Amino acid sequence: MDNQTVKKAKELVRGHPGLNFPLDIERLVTEAGCELIEWPFLSPVKEVKQGRWIAVAAGLDHKEQRYLAAHALGHHLLHCGNQLWFRDWQETSVARQEREADEFAAHVLMPEIELEKLDDLKTWEIAEYFGVPEELVSLRLNKFATDRERERWQSHD
């Protein structure tokens, strides 16, 4: 069974039939009621989500900016409400939310139905097709793969 993060990503993609790839993440951000902007952040800050604003660092590779925009959109759609500081709880909560935002981004930018069409491509080719960093492809194929995908891939081997 897919987790809530994957379900939310699939729901977003299903709500936009006829998507082309690489996905127009700015359109999805706008349709979710947010505005995507580039901002001259200082390192190590690369992305910030505040209210309806999603800001990604200027000067980053386009693929990384797309991933960060989808990551921030994941926070917007998955993690509503105030973020409170509860010491020991905070570390666990923040790590969980960051993982969920990464998983959401991976599934939005590389939906299962489109990924199925690319069975025999190498990681870098998949990254080029979807316009994402290779590291995100690796996460999507390994850590963030659905049970259905794992079963299908195992039957191919």
Protein backbone atom coordinates (compact mmCIF):
# COMPACT_ATOMS: atom_id res chain seq x y z
CA MET A 1 0.00 0.00 0.00
CA ASP A 2 1.30 3.46 -0.89
CA ASN A 3 1.86 5.94 1.90
CA GLN A 4 0.02 9.25 2.19
CA THR A 5 2.90 11.19 0.63
CA VAL A 6 2.84 9.06 -2.53
CA LYS A 7 -0.96 9.19 -2.64
CA LYS A 8 -0.88 13.00 -2.47
CA ALA A 9 1.70 13.16 -5.28
CA LYS A 10 -0.35 10.76 -7.45
CA GLU A 11 -3.48 12.82 -6.76
CA LEU A 12 -1.73 15.99 -7.91
CA VAL A 13 -0.48 14.36 -11.12
CA ARG A 14 -3.88 12.76 -11.86
CA GLY A 15 -5.46 16.20 -11.49
CA HIS A 16 -3.40 17.40 -14.45
CA PRO A 17 -3.98 14.98 -17.33
CA GLY A 18 -1.85 15.38 -20.41
CA LEU A 19 1.27 16.54 -18.60
CA ASN A 20 4.45 16.77 -20.64
CA PHE A 21 7.91 15.99 -19.33
CA PRO A 22 9.96 17.54 -17.97
CA LEU A 23 7.01 18.62 -15.90
CA ASP A 24 6.09 22.31 -15.73
CA ILE A 25 6.57 22.59 -11.96
CA GLU A 26 5.97 26.35 -11.99
CA ARG A 27 2.47 25.71 -13.37
CA LEU A 28 1.73 23.18 -10.61
CA VAL A 29 3.07 25.57 -7.96
CA THR A 30 0.89 28.39 -9.33
CA GLU A 31 -2.20 26.19 -9.54
CA ALA A 32 -1.65 25.19 -5.90
CA GLY A 33 -1.99 28.87 -4.97
CA CYS A 34 1.70 29.62 -4.54
CA GLU A 35 4.19 31.80 -6.34
CA LEU A 36 7.64 30.56 -7.33
CA ILE A 37 10.46 33.09 -7.18
CA GLU A 38 14.25 33.03 -7.42
CA TRP A 39 16.05 34.68 -4.53
CA PRO A 40 19.74 35.43 -3.93
CA PHE A 41 20.04 33.27 -0.80
CA LEU A 42 23.40 32.85 0.87
CA SER A 43 24.75 29.32 1.26
CA PRO A 44 23.65 26.92 2.67
CA VAL A 45 20.05 28.09 2.08
CA LYS A 46 18.67 26.81 -1.22
CA GLU A 47 14.91 26.89 -0.78
CA VAL A 48 12.36 28.51 1.52
CA LYS A 49 8.59 28.05 1.78
CA GLN A 50 6.81 30.89 3.56
CA GLY A 51 3.06 31.32 3.26
CA ARG A 52 2.22 31.22 -0.44
CA TRP A 53 5.81 31.99 -1.49
CA ILE A 54 8.21 29.33 -2.68
CA ALA A 55 11.69 30.74 -3.16
CA VAL A 56 14.60 28.86 -4.69
CA ALA A 57 18.17 30.08 -4.73
CA ALA A 58 19.19 31.99 -7.83
CA GLY A 59 22.14 30.61 -9.74
CA LEU A 60 21.44 26.93 -9.08
CA ASP A 61 21.29 24.38 -11.86
CA HIS A 62 17.82 24.36 -13.46
CA LYS A 63 17.30 20.69 -12.54
CA GLU A 64 18.03 21.41 -8.89
CA GLN A 65 15.71 24.44 -8.92
CA ARG A 66 12.90 22.25 -10.31
CA TYR A 67 13.50 19.63 -7.63
CA LEU A 68 13.58 22.27 -4.85
CA ALA A 69 10.35 23.85 -6.12
CA ALA A 70 8.63 20.43 -6.05
CA HIS A 71 10.10 19.76 -2.60
CA ALA A 72 8.70 23.05 -1.28
CA LEU A 73 5.35 22.31 -2.94
CA GLY A 74 5.37 19.04 -1.01
CA HIS A 75 5.79 20.97 2.24
CA HIS A 76 2.94 23.28 1.19
CA LEU A 77 0.54 20.42 0.46
CA LEU A 78 1.61 18.00 3.21
CA HIS A 79 2.70 20.07 6.19
CA CYS A 80 0.14 22.75 6.93
CA GLY A 81 -0.04 24.68 10.15
CA ASN A 82 2.47 26.16 12.54
CA GLN A 83 5.85 24.61 13.08
CA LEU A 84 6.53 24.60 16.81
CA TRP A 85 9.77 23.91 18.67
CA PHE A 86 9.59 20.87 20.98
CA ARG A 87 13.32 20.12 21.44
CA ASP A 88 13.84 16.35 21.00
CA TRP A 89 10.61 15.95 19.04
CA GLN A 90 11.66 18.67 16.61
CA GLU A 91 14.62 16.73 15.19
CA THR A 92 12.52 13.67 14.42
CA SER A 93 9.64 15.72 13.04
CA VAL A 94 11.83 17.86 10.79
CA ALA A 95 13.67 14.80 9.42
CA ARG A 96 10.34 13.08 8.69
CA GLN A 97 8.93 16.16 6.97
CA GLU A 98 12.05 16.60 4.84
CA ARG A 99 11.90 12.95 3.76
CA GLU A 100 8.20 13.31 2.91
CA ALA A 101 8.86 16.46 0.86
CA ASP A 102 11.66 14.66 -1.02
CA GLU A 103 9.45 11.64 -1.67
CA PHE A 104 6.61 13.88 -2.83
CA ALA A 105 8.94 15.75 -5.20
CA ALA A 106 10.29 12.48 -6.62
CA HIS A 107 6.81 11.12 -7.31
CA VAL A 108 5.47 14.37 -8.78
CA LEU A 109 8.44 14.95 -11.06
CA MET A 110 8.75 11.23 -12.01
CA PRO A 111 5.25 9.72 -11.82
CA GLU A 112 4.94 5.95 -11.79
CA ILE A 113 2.92 5.81 -15.00
CA GLU A 114 5.57 7.78 -16.91
CA LEU A 115 8.48 5.99 -15.25
CA GLU A 116 7.08 2.65 -16.47
CA LYS A 117 7.74 3.77 -20.05
CA LEU A 118 11.48 4.14 -19.37
CA ASP A 119 12.32 0.59 -18.29
CA ASP A 120 15.76 0.18 -19.82
CA LEU A 121 17.26 3.65 -19.45
CA LYS A 122 20.27 4.51 -17.33
CA THR A 123 19.98 6.86 -14.35
CA TRP A 124 21.44 9.83 -16.21
CA GLU A 125 19.02 9.26 -19.13
CA ILE A 126 16.05 9.19 -16.76
CA ALA A 127 17.36 12.39 -15.14
CA GLU A 128 17.56 14.06 -18.55
CA TYR A 129 14.07 12.91 -19.54
CA PHE A 130 12.46 14.24 -16.34
CA GLY A 131 14.76 17.25 -15.95
CA VAL A 132 15.86 16.32 -12.42
CA PRO A 133 19.17 15.71 -10.65
CA GLU A 134 20.55 12.16 -10.93
CA GLU A 135 20.52 11.86 -7.13
CA LEU A 136 16.74 12.29 -7.13
CA VAL A 137 16.40 9.53 -9.75
CA SER A 138 18.43 7.20 -7.53
CA LEU A 139 16.21 8.00 -4.55
CA ARG A 140 13.07 7.52 -6.65
CA LEU A 141 14.18 4.13 -7.98
CA ASN A 142 15.40 2.82 -4.64
CA LYS A 143 14.24 4.46 -1.44
CA PHE A 144 10.98 5.93 -2.82
CA ALA A 145 9.83 3.11 -5.13
CA THR A 146 6.32 1.83 -4.49
CA ASP A 147 5.63 -1.82 -3.65
CA ARG A 148 3.98 -2.20 -7.06
CA GLU A 149 7.07 -0.86 -8.81
CA ARG A 150 9.39 -3.16 -6.84
CA GLU A 151 7.25 -6.19 -7.72
CA ARG A 152 7.20 -5.24 -11.41
CA TRP A 153 10.95 -4.65 -11.51
CA GLN A 154 11.65 -7.96 -9.74
CA SER A 155 9.49 -9.82 -12.26
CA HIS A 156 11.59 -8.29 -15.08
CA ASP A 157 14.81 -9.64 -13.53
